[in-house]
Amino acid sequence: MIEAIKDDFQTMQSVRVEIYNQVYNIRFDGDSDYVVRLAEYIDERMREIAATTRTADSLKVAVLTALHIADELYQLKTQLEQTDNQLATRSAKCAEMLDKFLKQSESNFR
């Protein structure tokens, strides 16, 4: 198990990003453009929050940013769950209507 983790770690790529004036070397498995876009998004959000709250404390800005992003994520997950539930309800109604239609068609052909 430990060897597999080491092998995975060795095959990972590294990208250098800057977030809120701090440089980070991020190791990842996947698309470097995606990691850069994430870093840009976080940097953008941190700067917005720092400007809005007028705080220079980078730790406070980071925590507030994490809370805002977590709120966005939670809201999107809630919307997705609601959409999934609506889709399941509509699908069940469609299946029920189709069953009724098929039963009526069968009885008409007998």
PDB file of N, CA and C in Angstrom:
ATOM      1  N   MET A   1       0.834  -1.199   0.000  1.00  0.00           N
ATOM      2  CA  MET A   1       0.000   0.000   0.000  1.00  0.00           C
ATOM      3  C   MET A   1       0.874   1.257   0.000  1.00  0.00           C
ATOM      4  N   ILE A   2       1.906   1.283   0.829  1.00  0.00           N
ATOM      5  CA  ILE A   2       2.783   2.450   0.899  1.00  0.00           C
ATOM      6  C   ILE A   2       3.521   2.637  -0.419  1.00  0.00           C
ATOM      7  N   GLU A   3       3.944   1.545  -1.059  1.00  0.00           N
ATOM      8  CA  GLU A   3       4.632   1.641  -2.337  1.00  0.00           C
ATOM      9  C   GLU A   3       3.726   2.235  -3.407  1.00  0.00           C
ATOM     10  N   ALA A   4       2.463   1.853  -3.394  1.00  0.00           N
ATOM     11  CA  ALA A   4       1.516   2.385  -4.375  1.00  0.00           C
ATOM     12  C   ALA A   4       1.350   3.886  -4.197  1.00  0.00           C
ATOM     13  N   ILE A   5       1.307   4.333  -2.967  1.00  0.00           N
ATOM     14  CA  ILE A   5       1.172   5.769  -2.701  1.00  0.00           C
ATOM     15  C   ILE A   5       2.414   6.494  -3.183  1.00  0.00           C
ATOM     16  N   LYS A   6       3.606   5.936  -2.915  1.00  0.00           N
ATOM     17  CA  LYS A   6       4.846   6.557  -3.380  1.00  0.00           C
ATOM     18  C   LYS A   6       4.871   6.630  -4.896  1.00  0.00           C
ATOM     19  N   ASP A   7       4.466   5.537  -5.570  1.00  0.00           N
ATOM     20  CA  ASP A   7       4.438   5.534  -7.028  1.00  0.00           C
ATOM     21  C   ASP A   7       3.503   6.604  -7.558  1.00  0.00           C
ATOM     22  N   ASP A   8       2.323   6.739  -6.962  1.00  0.00           N
ATOM     23  CA  ASP A   8       1.380   7.760  -7.377  1.00  0.00           C
ATOM     24  C   ASP A   8       1.963   9.150  -7.174  1.00  0.00           C
ATOM     25  N   PHE A   9       2.637   9.360  -6.051  1.00  0.00           N
ATOM     26  CA  PHE A   9       3.207  10.661  -5.729  1.00  0.00           C
ATOM     27  C   PHE A   9       4.312  11.018  -6.718  1.00  0.00           C
ATOM     28  N   GLN A  10       5.101  10.033  -7.119  1.00  0.00           N
ATOM     29  CA  GLN A  10       6.201  10.283  -8.042  1.00  0.00           C
ATOM     30  C   GLN A  10       5.706  10.608  -9.442  1.00  0.00           C
ATOM     31  N   THR A  11       4.560  10.109  -9.824  1.00  0.00           N
ATOM     32  CA  THR A  11       4.036  10.373 -11.165  1.00  0.00           C
ATOM     33  C   THR A  11       3.229  11.671 -11.217  1.00  0.00           C
ATOM     34  N   MET A  12       3.021  12.305 -10.080  1.00  0.00           N
ATOM     35  CA  MET A  12       2.240  13.534 -10.052  1.00  0.00           C
ATOM     36  C   MET A  12       3.056  14.682 -10.640  1.00  0.00           C
ATOM     37  N   GLN A  13       2.350  15.638 -11.229  1.00  0.00           N
ATOM     38  CA  GLN A  13       2.981  16.824 -11.784  1.00  0.00           C
ATOM     39  C   GLN A  13       3.006  17.910 -10.723  1.00  0.00           C
ATOM     40  N   SER A  14       3.768  18.938 -10.990  1.00  0.00           N
ATOM     41  CA  SER A  14       3.829  20.058 -10.068  1.00  0.00           C
ATOM     42  C   SER A  14       3.627  21.343 -10.866  1.00  0.00           C
ATOM     43  N   VAL A  15       2.882  22.254 -10.280  1.00  0.00           N
ATOM     44  CA  VAL A  15       2.682  23.563 -10.905  1.00  0.00           C
ATOM     45  C   VAL A  15       2.873  24.625  -9.830  1.00  0.00           C
ATOM     46  N   ARG A  16       3.436  25.731 -10.242  1.00  0.00           N
ATOM     47  CA  ARG A  16       3.696  26.838  -9.321  1.00  0.00           C
ATOM     48  C   ARG A  16       2.602  27.878  -9.517  1.00  0.00           C
ATOM     49  N   VAL A  17       1.918  28.218  -8.419  1.00  0.00           N
ATOM     50  CA  VAL A  17       0.836  29.203  -8.486  1.00  0.00           C
ATOM     51  C   VAL A  17       1.054  30.257  -7.404  1.00  0.00           C
ATOM     52  N   GLU A  18       0.451  31.397  -7.629  1.00  0.00           N
ATOM     53  CA  GLU A  18       0.509  32.464  -6.628  1.00  0.00           C
ATOM     54  C   GLU A  18      -0.909  32.779  -6.178  1.00  0.00           C
ATOM     55  N   ILE A  19      -1.098  32.719  -4.865  1.00  0.00           N
ATOM     56  CA  ILE A  19      -2.390  33.028  -4.274  1.00  0.00           C
ATOM     57  C   ILE A  19      -2.161  34.054  -3.172  1.00  0.00           C
ATOM     58  N   TYR A  20      -2.746  35.207  -3.356  1.00  0.00           N
ATOM     59  CA  TYR A  20      -2.686  36.280  -2.363  1.00  0.00           C
ATOM     60  C   TYR A  20      -1.236  36.575  -1.955  1.00  0.00           C
ATOM     61  N   ASN A  21      -0.409  36.759  -2.985  1.00  0.00           N
ATOM     62  CA  ASN A  21       1.001  37.119  -2.843  1.00  0.00           C
ATOM     63  C   ASN A  21       1.875  36.035  -2.211  1.00  0.00           C
ATOM     64  N   GLN A  22       1.378  34.822  -2.175  1.00  0.00           N
ATOM     65  CA  GLN A  22       2.162  33.686  -1.684  1.00  0.00           C
ATOM     66  C   GLN A  22       2.307  32.689  -2.828  1.00  0.00           C
ATOM     67  N   VAL A  23       3.526  32.181  -3.004  1.00  0.00           N
ATOM     68  CA  VAL A  23       3.777  31.211  -4.067  1.00  0.00           C
ATOM     69  C   VAL A  23       3.695  29.808  -3.482  1.00  0.00           C
ATOM     70  N   TYR A  24       2.977  28.941  -4.192  1.00  0.00           N
ATOM     71  CA  TYR A  24       2.805  27.552  -3.759  1.00  0.00           C
ATOM     72  C   TYR A  24       3.176  26.626  -4.922  1.00  0.00           C
ATOM     73  N   ASN A  25       3.856  25.556  -4.598  1.00  0.00           N
ATOM     74  CA  ASN A  25       4.104  24.483  -5.563  1.00  0.00           C
ATOM     75  C   ASN A  25       3.077  23.406  -5.266  1.00  0.00           C
ATOM     76  N   ILE A  26       2.169  23.218  -6.181  1.00  0.00           N
ATOM     77  CA  ILE A  26       1.068  22.282  -5.988  1.00  0.00           C
ATOM     78  C   ILE A  26       1.354  21.011  -6.791  1.00  0.00           C
ATOM     79  N   ARG A  27       1.350  19.879  -6.107  1.00  0.00           N
ATOM     80  CA  ARG A  27       1.489  18.586  -6.775  1.00  0.00           C
ATOM     81  C   ARG A  27       0.084  18.062  -7.041  1.00  0.00           C
ATOM     82  N   PHE A  28      -0.119  17.555  -8.239  1.00  0.00           N
ATOM     83  CA  PHE A  28      -1.451  17.124  -8.625  1.00  0.00           C
ATOM     84  C   PHE A  28      -1.352  16.061  -9.691  1.00  0.00           C
ATOM     85  N   ASP A  29      -2.455  15.435  -9.914  1.00  0.00           N
ATOM     86  CA  ASP A  29      -2.577  14.443 -10.969  1.00  0.00           C
ATOM     87  C   ASP A  29      -3.687  14.912 -11.883  1.00  0.00           C
ATOM     88  N   GLY A  30      -3.340  15.463 -13.012  1.00  0.00           N
ATOM     89  CA  GLY A  30      -4.367  15.956 -13.912  1.00  0.00           C
ATOM     90  C   GLY A  30      -3.896  17.136 -14.727  1.00  0.00           C
ATOM     91  N   ASP A  31      -4.830  18.016 -15.015  1.00  0.00           N
ATOM     92  CA  ASP A  31      -4.622  19.150 -15.901  1.00  0.00           C
ATOM     93  C   ASP A  31      -4.058  20.353 -15.143  1.00  0.00           C
ATOM     94  N   SER A  32      -2.884  20.823 -15.552  1.00  0.00           N
ATOM     95  CA  SER A  32      -2.267  21.965 -14.869  1.00  0.00           C
ATOM     96  C   SER A  32      -3.090  23.236 -15.044  1.00  0.00           C
ATOM     97  N   ASP A  33      -3.756  23.380 -16.191  1.00  0.00           N
ATOM     98  CA  ASP A  33      -4.600  24.570 -16.410  1.00  0.00           C
ATOM     99  C   ASP A  33      -5.725  24.638 -15.392  1.00  0.00           C
ATOM    100  N   TYR A  34      -6.256  23.481 -15.033  1.00  0.00           N
ATOM    101  CA  TYR A  34      -7.328  23.423 -14.032  1.00  0.00           C
ATOM    102  C   TYR A  34      -6.824  23.928 -12.680  1.00  0.00           C
ATOM    103  N   VAL A  35      -5.641  23.485 -12.275  1.00  0.00           N
ATOM    104  CA  VAL A  35      -5.066  23.915 -10.998  1.00  0.00           C
ATOM    105  C   VAL A  35      -4.799  25.415 -11.018  1.00  0.00           C
ATOM    106  N   VAL A  36      -4.307  25.908 -12.136  1.00  0.00           N
ATOM    107  CA  VAL A  36      -4.050  27.348 -12.265  1.00  0.00           C
ATOM    108  C   VAL A  36      -5.356  28.128 -12.168  1.00  0.00           C
ATOM    109  N   ARG A  37      -6.407  27.641 -12.825  1.00  0.00           N
ATOM    110  CA  ARG A  37      -7.713  28.323 -12.753  1.00  0.00           C
ATOM    111  C   ARG A  37      -8.254  28.328 -11.329  1.00  0.00           C
ATOM    112  N   LEU A  38      -8.087  27.211 -10.613  1.00  0.00           N
ATOM    113  CA  LEU A  38      -8.516  27.166  -9.210  1.00  0.00           C
ATOM    114  C   LEU A  38      -7.763  28.199  -8.383  1.00  0.00           C
ATOM    115  N   ALA A  39      -6.461  28.252  -8.572  1.00  0.00           N
ATOM    116  CA  ALA A  39      -5.639  29.215  -7.825  1.00  0.00           C
ATOM    117  C   ALA A  39      -6.049  30.646  -8.152  1.00  0.00           C
ATOM    118  N   GLU A  40      -6.321  30.910  -9.416  1.00  0.00           N
ATOM    119  CA  GLU A  40      -6.762  32.250  -9.812  1.00  0.00           C
ATOM    120  C   GLU A  40      -8.095  32.594  -9.164  1.00  0.00           C
ATOM    121  N   TYR A  41      -8.988  31.627  -9.107  1.00  0.00           N
ATOM    122  CA  TYR A  41     -10.292  31.844  -8.481  1.00  0.00           C
ATOM    123  C   TYR A  41     -10.129  32.158  -6.995  1.00  0.00           C
ATOM    124  N   ILE A  42      -9.313  31.388  -6.316  1.00  0.00           N
ATOM    125  CA  ILE A  42      -9.089  31.616  -4.885  1.00  0.00           C
ATOM    126  C   ILE A  42      -8.441  32.975  -4.663  1.00  0.00           C
ATOM    127  N   ASP A  43      -7.451  33.311  -5.478  1.00  0.00           N
ATOM    128  CA  ASP A  43      -6.783  34.605  -5.353  1.00  0.00           C
ATOM    129  C   ASP A  43      -7.776  35.744  -5.553  1.00  0.00           C
ATOM    130  N   GLU A  44      -8.602  35.607  -6.587  1.00  0.00           N
ATOM    131  CA  GLU A  44      -9.627  36.607  -6.870  1.00  0.00           C
ATOM    132  C   GLU A  44     -10.575  36.797  -5.689  1.00  0.00           C
ATOM    133  N   ARG A  45     -11.065  35.669  -5.164  1.00  0.00           N
ATOM    134  CA  ARG A  45     -12.000  35.727  -4.040  1.00  0.00           C
ATOM    135  C   ARG A  45     -11.340  36.340  -2.804  1.00  0.00           C
ATOM    136  N   MET A  46     -10.090  35.969  -2.544  1.00  0.00           N
ATOM    137  CA  MET A  46      -9.396  36.517  -1.375  1.00  0.00           C
ATOM    138  C   MET A  46      -9.239  38.024  -1.500  1.00  0.00           C
ATOM    139  N   ARG A  47      -8.911  38.490  -2.690  1.00  0.00           N
ATOM    140  CA  ARG A  47      -8.740  39.935  -2.894  1.00  0.00           C
ATOM    141  C   ARG A  47     -10.078  40.668  -2.751  1.00  0.00           C
ATOM    142  N   GLU A  48     -11.160  40.063  -3.251  1.00  0.00           N
ATOM    143  CA  GLU A  48     -12.490  40.665  -3.081  1.00  0.00           C
ATOM    144  C   GLU A  48     -12.840  40.782  -1.604  1.00  0.00           C
ATOM    145  N   ILE A  49     -12.612  39.712  -0.872  1.00  0.00           N
ATOM    146  CA  ILE A  49     -12.964  39.689   0.549  1.00  0.00           C
ATOM    147  C   ILE A  49     -12.078  40.635   1.341  1.00  0.00           C
ATOM    148  N   ALA A  50     -10.798  40.698   1.015  1.00  0.00           N
ATOM    149  CA  ALA A  50      -9.887  41.621   1.698  1.00  0.00           C
ATOM    150  C   ALA A  50     -10.320  43.062   1.467  1.00  0.00           C
ATOM    151  N   ALA A  51     -10.739  43.369   0.243  1.00  0.00           N
ATOM    152  CA  ALA A  51     -11.187  44.723  -0.068  1.00  0.00           C
ATOM    153  C   ALA A  51     -12.493  45.043   0.633  1.00  0.00           C
ATOM    154  N   THR A  52     -13.386  44.075   0.682  1.00  0.00           N
ATOM    155  CA  THR A  52     -14.698  44.285   1.303  1.00  0.00           C
ATOM    156  C   THR A  52     -14.571  44.443   2.813  1.00  0.00           C
ATOM    157  N   THR A  53     -13.757  43.602   3.432  1.00  0.00           N
ATOM    158  CA  THR A  53     -13.631  43.626   4.893  1.00  0.00           C
ATOM    159  C   THR A  53     -12.551  44.588   5.367  1.00  0.00           C
ATOM    160  N   ARG A  54     -11.740  45.036   4.435  1.00  0.00           N
ATOM    161  CA  ARG A  54     -10.631  45.949   4.740  1.00  0.00           C
ATOM    162  C   ARG A  54      -9.705  45.391   5.820  1.00  0.00           C
ATOM    163  N   THR A  55      -9.421  44.101   5.700  1.00  0.00           N
ATOM    164  CA  THR A  55      -8.488  43.488   6.628  1.00  0.00           C
ATOM    165  C   THR A  55      -7.233  43.081   5.878  1.00  0.00           C
ATOM    166  N   ALA A  56      -6.094  43.231   6.531  1.00  0.00           N
ATOM    167  CA  ALA A  56      -4.817  42.860   5.921  1.00  0.00           C
ATOM    168  C   ALA A  56      -4.333  41.513   6.439  1.00  0.00           C
ATOM    169  N   ASP A  57      -4.995  40.982   7.446  1.00  0.00           N
ATOM    170  CA  ASP A  57      -4.595  39.709   8.029  1.00  0.00           C
ATOM    171  C   ASP A  57      -4.922  38.584   7.052  1.00  0.00           C
ATOM    172  N   SER A  58      -3.869  38.006   6.455  1.00  0.00           N
ATOM    173  CA  SER A  58      -4.087  36.997   5.413  1.00  0.00           C
ATOM    174  C   SER A  58      -4.777  35.745   5.950  1.00  0.00           C
ATOM    175  N   LEU A  59      -4.564  35.406   7.218  1.00  0.00           N
ATOM    176  CA  LEU A  59      -5.240  34.246   7.789  1.00  0.00           C
ATOM    177  C   LEU A  59      -6.744  34.491   7.869  1.00  0.00           C
ATOM    178  N   LYS A  60      -7.142  35.660   8.340  1.00  0.00           N
ATOM    179  CA  LYS A  60      -8.576  35.994   8.402  1.00  0.00           C
ATOM    180  C   LYS A  60      -9.184  36.006   7.005  1.00  0.00           C
ATOM    181  N   VAL A  61      -8.452  36.577   6.052  1.00  0.00           N
ATOM    182  CA  VAL A  61      -8.944  36.621   4.675  1.00  0.00           C
ATOM    183  C   VAL A  61      -9.102  35.200   4.131  1.00  0.00           C
ATOM    184  N   ALA A  62      -8.139  34.331   4.424  1.00  0.00           N
ATOM    185  CA  ALA A  62      -8.201  32.944   3.950  1.00  0.00           C
ATOM    186  C   ALA A  62      -9.393  32.210   4.563  1.00  0.00           C
ATOM    187  N   VAL A  63      -9.624  32.403   5.850  1.00  0.00           N
ATOM    188  CA  VAL A  63     -10.740  31.728   6.522  1.00  0.00           C
ATOM    189  C   VAL A  63     -12.072  32.246   5.985  1.00  0.00           C
ATOM    190  N   LEU A  64     -12.197  33.554   5.837  1.00  0.00           N
ATOM    191  CA  LEU A  64     -13.431  34.119   5.282  1.00  0.00           C
ATOM    192  C   LEU A  64     -13.657  33.646   3.849  1.00  0.00           C
ATOM    193  N   THR A  65     -12.584  33.557   3.082  1.00  0.00           N
ATOM    194  CA  THR A  65     -12.691  33.054   1.716  1.00  0.00           C
ATOM    195  C   THR A  65     -13.153  31.601   1.717  1.00  0.00           C
ATOM    196  N   ALA A  66     -12.568  30.800   2.604  1.00  0.00           N
ATOM    197  CA  ALA A  66     -12.973  29.389   2.706  1.00  0.00           C
ATOM    198  C   ALA A  66     -14.458  29.287   3.053  1.00  0.00           C
ATOM    199  N   LEU A  67     -14.922  30.129   3.957  1.00  0.00           N
ATOM    200  CA  LEU A  67     -16.343  30.122   4.316  1.00  0.00           C
ATOM    201  C   LEU A  67     -17.226  30.503   3.129  1.00  0.00           C
ATOM    202  N   HIS A  68     -16.822  31.515   2.379  1.00  0.00           N
ATOM    203  CA  HIS A  68     -17.605  31.938   1.213  1.00  0.00           C
ATOM    204  C   HIS A  68     -17.645  30.843   0.158  1.00  0.00           C
ATOM    205  N   ILE A  69     -16.496  30.222  -0.108  1.00  0.00           N
ATOM    206  CA  ILE A  69     -16.454  29.160  -1.117  1.00  0.00           C
ATOM    207  C   ILE A  69     -17.236  27.946  -0.630  1.00  0.00           C
ATOM    208  N   ALA A  70     -17.146  27.633   0.659  1.00  0.00           N
ATOM    209  CA  ALA A  70     -17.931  26.520   1.210  1.00  0.00           C
ATOM    210  C   ALA A  70     -19.422  26.813   1.090  1.00  0.00           C
ATOM    211  N   ASP A  71     -19.812  28.065   1.300  1.00  0.00           N
ATOM    212  CA  ASP A  71     -21.219  28.457   1.140  1.00  0.00           C
ATOM    213  C   ASP A  71     -21.663  28.267  -0.302  1.00  0.00           C
ATOM    214  N   GLU A  72     -20.839  28.698  -1.250  1.00  0.00           N
ATOM    215  CA  GLU A  72     -21.165  28.504  -2.666  1.00  0.00           C
ATOM    216  C   GLU A  72     -21.346  27.019  -2.968  1.00  0.00           C
ATOM    217  N   LEU A  73     -20.417  26.214  -2.496  1.00  0.00           N
ATOM    218  CA  LEU A  73     -20.473  24.770  -2.734  1.00  0.00           C
ATOM    219  C   LEU A  73     -21.732  24.171  -2.131  1.00  0.00           C
ATOM    220  N   TYR A  74     -22.032  24.533  -0.892  1.00  0.00           N
ATOM    221  CA  TYR A  74     -23.209  23.996  -0.211  1.00  0.00           C
ATOM    222  C   TYR A  74     -24.489  24.375  -0.957  1.00  0.00           C
ATOM    223  N   GLN A  75     -24.579  25.628  -1.393  1.00  0.00           N
ATOM    224  CA  GLN A  75     -25.767  26.067  -2.129  1.00  0.00           C
ATOM    225  C   GLN A  75     -25.909  25.303  -3.442  1.00  0.00           C
ATOM    226  N   LEU A  76     -24.793  25.104  -4.147  1.00  0.00           N
ATOM    227  CA  LEU A  76     -24.844  24.367  -5.404  1.00  0.00           C
ATOM    228  C   LEU A  76     -25.218  22.909  -5.180  1.00  0.00           C
ATOM    229  N   LYS A  77     -24.695  22.307  -4.113  1.00  0.00           N
ATOM    230  CA  LYS A  77     -25.064  20.923  -3.804  1.00  0.00           C
ATOM    231  C   LYS A  77     -26.544  20.818  -3.475  1.00  0.00           C
ATOM    232  N   THR A  78     -27.068  21.785  -2.739  1.00  0.00           N
ATOM    233  CA  THR A  78     -28.489  21.799  -2.391  1.00  0.00           C
ATOM    234  C   THR A  78     -29.335  21.935  -3.649  1.00  0.00           C
ATOM    235  N   GLN A  79     -28.934  22.841  -4.555  1.00  0.00           N
ATOM    236  CA  GLN A  79     -29.660  23.010  -5.811  1.00  0.00           C
ATOM    237  C   GLN A  79     -29.622  21.735  -6.638  1.00  0.00           C
ATOM    238  N   LEU A  80     -28.467  21.078  -6.666  1.00  0.00           N
ATOM    239  CA  LEU A  80     -28.332  19.832  -7.417  1.00  0.00           C
ATOM    240  C   LEU A  80     -29.233  18.748  -6.842  1.00  0.00           C
ATOM    241  N   GLU A  81     -29.283  18.639  -5.524  1.00  0.00           N
ATOM    242  CA  GLU A  81     -30.173  17.661  -4.879  1.00  0.00           C
ATOM    243  C   GLU A  81     -31.631  17.941  -5.221  1.00  0.00           C
ATOM    244  N   GLN A  82     -32.021  19.215  -5.178  1.00  0.00           N
ATOM    245  CA  GLN A  82     -33.397  19.575  -5.518  1.00  0.00           C
ATOM    246  C   GLN A  82     -33.708  19.240  -6.969  1.00  0.00           C
ATOM    247  N   THR A  83     -32.768  19.535  -7.854  1.00  0.00           N
ATOM    248  CA  THR A  83     -32.957  19.229  -9.268  1.00  0.00           C
ATOM    249  C   THR A  83     -33.044  17.724  -9.479  1.00  0.00           C
ATOM    250  N   ASP A  84     -32.179  16.975  -8.800  1.00  0.00           N
ATOM    251  CA  ASP A  84     -32.225  15.509  -8.895  1.00  0.00           C
ATOM    252  C   ASP A  84     -33.572  14.973  -8.418  1.00  0.00           C
ATOM    253  N   ASN A  85     -34.078  15.516  -7.307  1.00  0.00           N
ATOM    254  CA  ASN A  85     -35.372  15.079  -6.780  1.00  0.00           C
ATOM    255  C   ASN A  85     -36.498  15.400  -7.754  1.00  0.00           C
ATOM    256  N   GLN A  86     -36.465  16.598  -8.335  1.00  0.00           N
ATOM    257  CA  GLN A  86     -37.484  16.979  -9.313  1.00  0.00           C
ATOM    258  C   GLN A  86     -37.423  16.067 -10.534  1.00  0.00           C
ATOM    259  N   LEU A  87     -36.216  15.772 -10.979  1.00  0.00           N
ATOM    260  CA  LEU A  87     -36.049  14.892 -12.134  1.00  0.00           C
ATOM    261  C   LEU A  87     -36.552  13.484 -11.822  1.00  0.00           C
ATOM    262  N   ALA A  88     -36.253  12.990 -10.637  1.00  0.00           N
ATOM    263  CA  ALA A  88     -36.732  11.655 -10.247  1.00  0.00           C
ATOM    264  C   ALA A  88     -38.255  11.621 -10.206  1.00  0.00           C
ATOM    265  N   THR A  89     -38.863  12.670  -9.663  1.00  0.00           N
ATOM    266  CA  THR A  89     -40.331  12.740  -9.597  1.00  0.00           C
ATOM    267  C   THR A  89     -40.927  12.764 -11.000  1.00  0.00           C
ATOM    268  N   ARG A  90     -40.357  13.595 -11.866  1.00  0.00           N
ATOM    269  CA  ARG A  90     -40.870  13.686 -13.235  1.00  0.00           C
ATOM    270  C   ARG A  90     -40.659  12.378 -13.988  1.00  0.00           C
ATOM    271  N   SER A  91     -39.522  11.753 -13.777  1.00  0.00           N
ATOM    272  CA  SER A  91     -39.244  10.473 -14.444  1.00  0.00           C
ATOM    273  C   SER A  91     -40.238   9.411 -13.997  1.00  0.00           C
ATOM    274  N   ALA A  92     -40.538   9.388 -12.703  1.00  0.00           N
ATOM    275  CA  ALA A  92     -41.501   8.415 -12.184  1.00  0.00           C
ATOM    276  C   ALA A  92     -42.871   8.662 -12.789  1.00  0.00           C
ATOM    277  N   LYS A  93     -43.272   9.922 -12.904  1.00  0.00           N
ATOM    278  CA  LYS A  93     -44.569  10.247 -13.512  1.00  0.00           C
ATOM    279  C   LYS A  93     -44.596   9.833 -14.983  1.00  0.00           C
ATOM    280  N   CYS A  94     -43.500  10.074 -15.694  1.00  0.00           N
ATOM    281  CA  CYS A  94     -43.436   9.673 -17.099  1.00  0.00           C
ATOM    282  C   CYS A  94     -43.520   8.154 -17.234  1.00  0.00           C
ATOM    283  N   ALA A  95     -42.822   7.437 -16.374  1.00  0.00           N
ATOM    284  CA  ALA A  95     -42.853   5.970 -16.409  1.00  0.00           C
ATOM    285  C   ALA A  95     -44.261   5.471 -16.114  1.00  0.00           C
ATOM    286  N   GLU A  96     -44.922   6.118 -15.166  1.00  0.00           N
ATOM    287  CA  GLU A  96     -46.297   5.733 -14.820  1.00  0.00           C
ATOM    288  C   GLU A  96     -47.240   5.977 -16.002  1.00  0.00           C
ATOM    289  N   MET A  97     -47.090   7.122 -16.648  1.00  0.00           N
ATOM    290  CA  MET A  97     -47.931   7.434 -17.810  1.00  0.00           C
ATOM    291  C   MET A  97     -47.656   6.454 -18.944  1.00  0.00           C
ATOM    292  N   LEU A  98     -46.413   6.106 -19.147  1.00  0.00           N
ATOM    293  CA  LEU A  98     -46.047   5.159 -20.199  1.00  0.00           C
ATOM    294  C   LEU A  98     -46.637   3.783 -19.915  1.00  0.00           C
ATOM    295  N   ASP A  99     -46.556   3.366 -18.658  1.00  0.00           N
ATOM    296  CA  ASP A  99     -47.164   2.082 -18.276  1.00  0.00           C
ATOM    297  C   ASP A  99     -48.658   2.081 -18.564  1.00  0.00           C
ATOM    298  N   LYS A 100     -49.344   3.156 -18.190  1.00  0.00           N
ATOM    299  CA  LYS A 100     -50.796   3.244 -18.450  1.00  0.00           C
ATOM    300  C   LYS A 100     -51.076   3.193 -19.945  1.00  0.00           C
ATOM    301  N   PHE A 101     -50.281   3.913 -20.710  1.00  0.00           N
ATOM    302  CA  PHE A 101     -50.465   3.936 -22.156  1.00  0.00           C
ATOM    303  C   PHE A 101     -50.247   2.548 -22.752  1.00  0.00           C
ATOM    304  N   LEU A 102     -49.198   1.867 -22.315  1.00  0.00           N
ATOM    305  CA  LEU A 102     -48.916   0.524 -22.827  1.00  0.00           C
ATOM    306  C   LEU A 102     -50.014  -0.459 -22.461  1.00  0.00           C
ATOM    307  N   LYS A 103     -50.542  -0.352 -21.240  1.00  0.00           N
ATOM    308  CA  LYS A 103     -51.641  -1.240 -20.828  1.00  0.00           C
ATOM    309  C   LYS A 103     -52.883  -0.987 -21.667  1.00  0.00           C
ATOM    310  N   GLN A 104     -53.181   0.291 -21.929  1.00  0.00           N
ATOM    311  CA  GLN A 104     -54.337   0.630 -22.758  1.00  0.00           C
ATOM    312  C   GLN A 104     -54.143   0.120 -24.186  1.00  0.00           C
ATOM    313  N   SER A 105     -52.924   0.248 -24.699  1.00  0.00           N
ATOM    314  CA  SER A 105     -52.629  -0.225 -26.054  1.00  0.00           C
ATOM    315  C   SER A 105     -52.784  -1.730 -26.150  1.00  0.00           C
ATOM    316  N   GLU A 106     -52.324  -2.442 -25.132  1.00  0.00           N
ATOM    317  CA  GLU A 106     -52.446  -3.901 -25.118  1.00  0.00           C
ATOM    318  C   GLU A 106     -53.909  -4.330 -25.092  1.00  0.00           C
ATOM    319  N   SER A 107     -54.690  -3.642 -24.295  1.00  0.00           N
ATOM    320  CA  SER A 107     -56.110  -4.016 -24.206  1.00  0.00           C
ATOM    321  C   SER A 107     -56.850  -3.676 -25.493  1.00  0.00           C
ATOM    322  N   ASN A 108     -56.426  -2.658 -26.220  1.00  0.00           N
ATOM    323  CA  ASN A 108     -57.059  -2.295 -27.486  1.00  0.00           C
ATOM    324  C   ASN A 108     -56.733  -3.287 -28.595  1.00  0.00           C
ATOM    325  N   PHE A 109     -55.599  -3.933 -28.510  1.00  0.00           N
ATOM    326  CA  PHE A 109     -55.195  -4.874 -29.553  1.00  0.00           C
ATOM    327  C   PHE A 109     -55.695  -6.287 -29.294  1.00  0.00           C
ATOM    328  N   ARG A 110     -56.341  -6.539 -28.210  1.00  0.00           N
ATOM    329  CA  ARG A 110     -56.842  -7.885 -27.903  1.00  0.00           C
ATOM    330  C   ARG A 110     -58.188  -8.103 -28.460  1.00  0.00           C
TER     331      ARG A 110
END
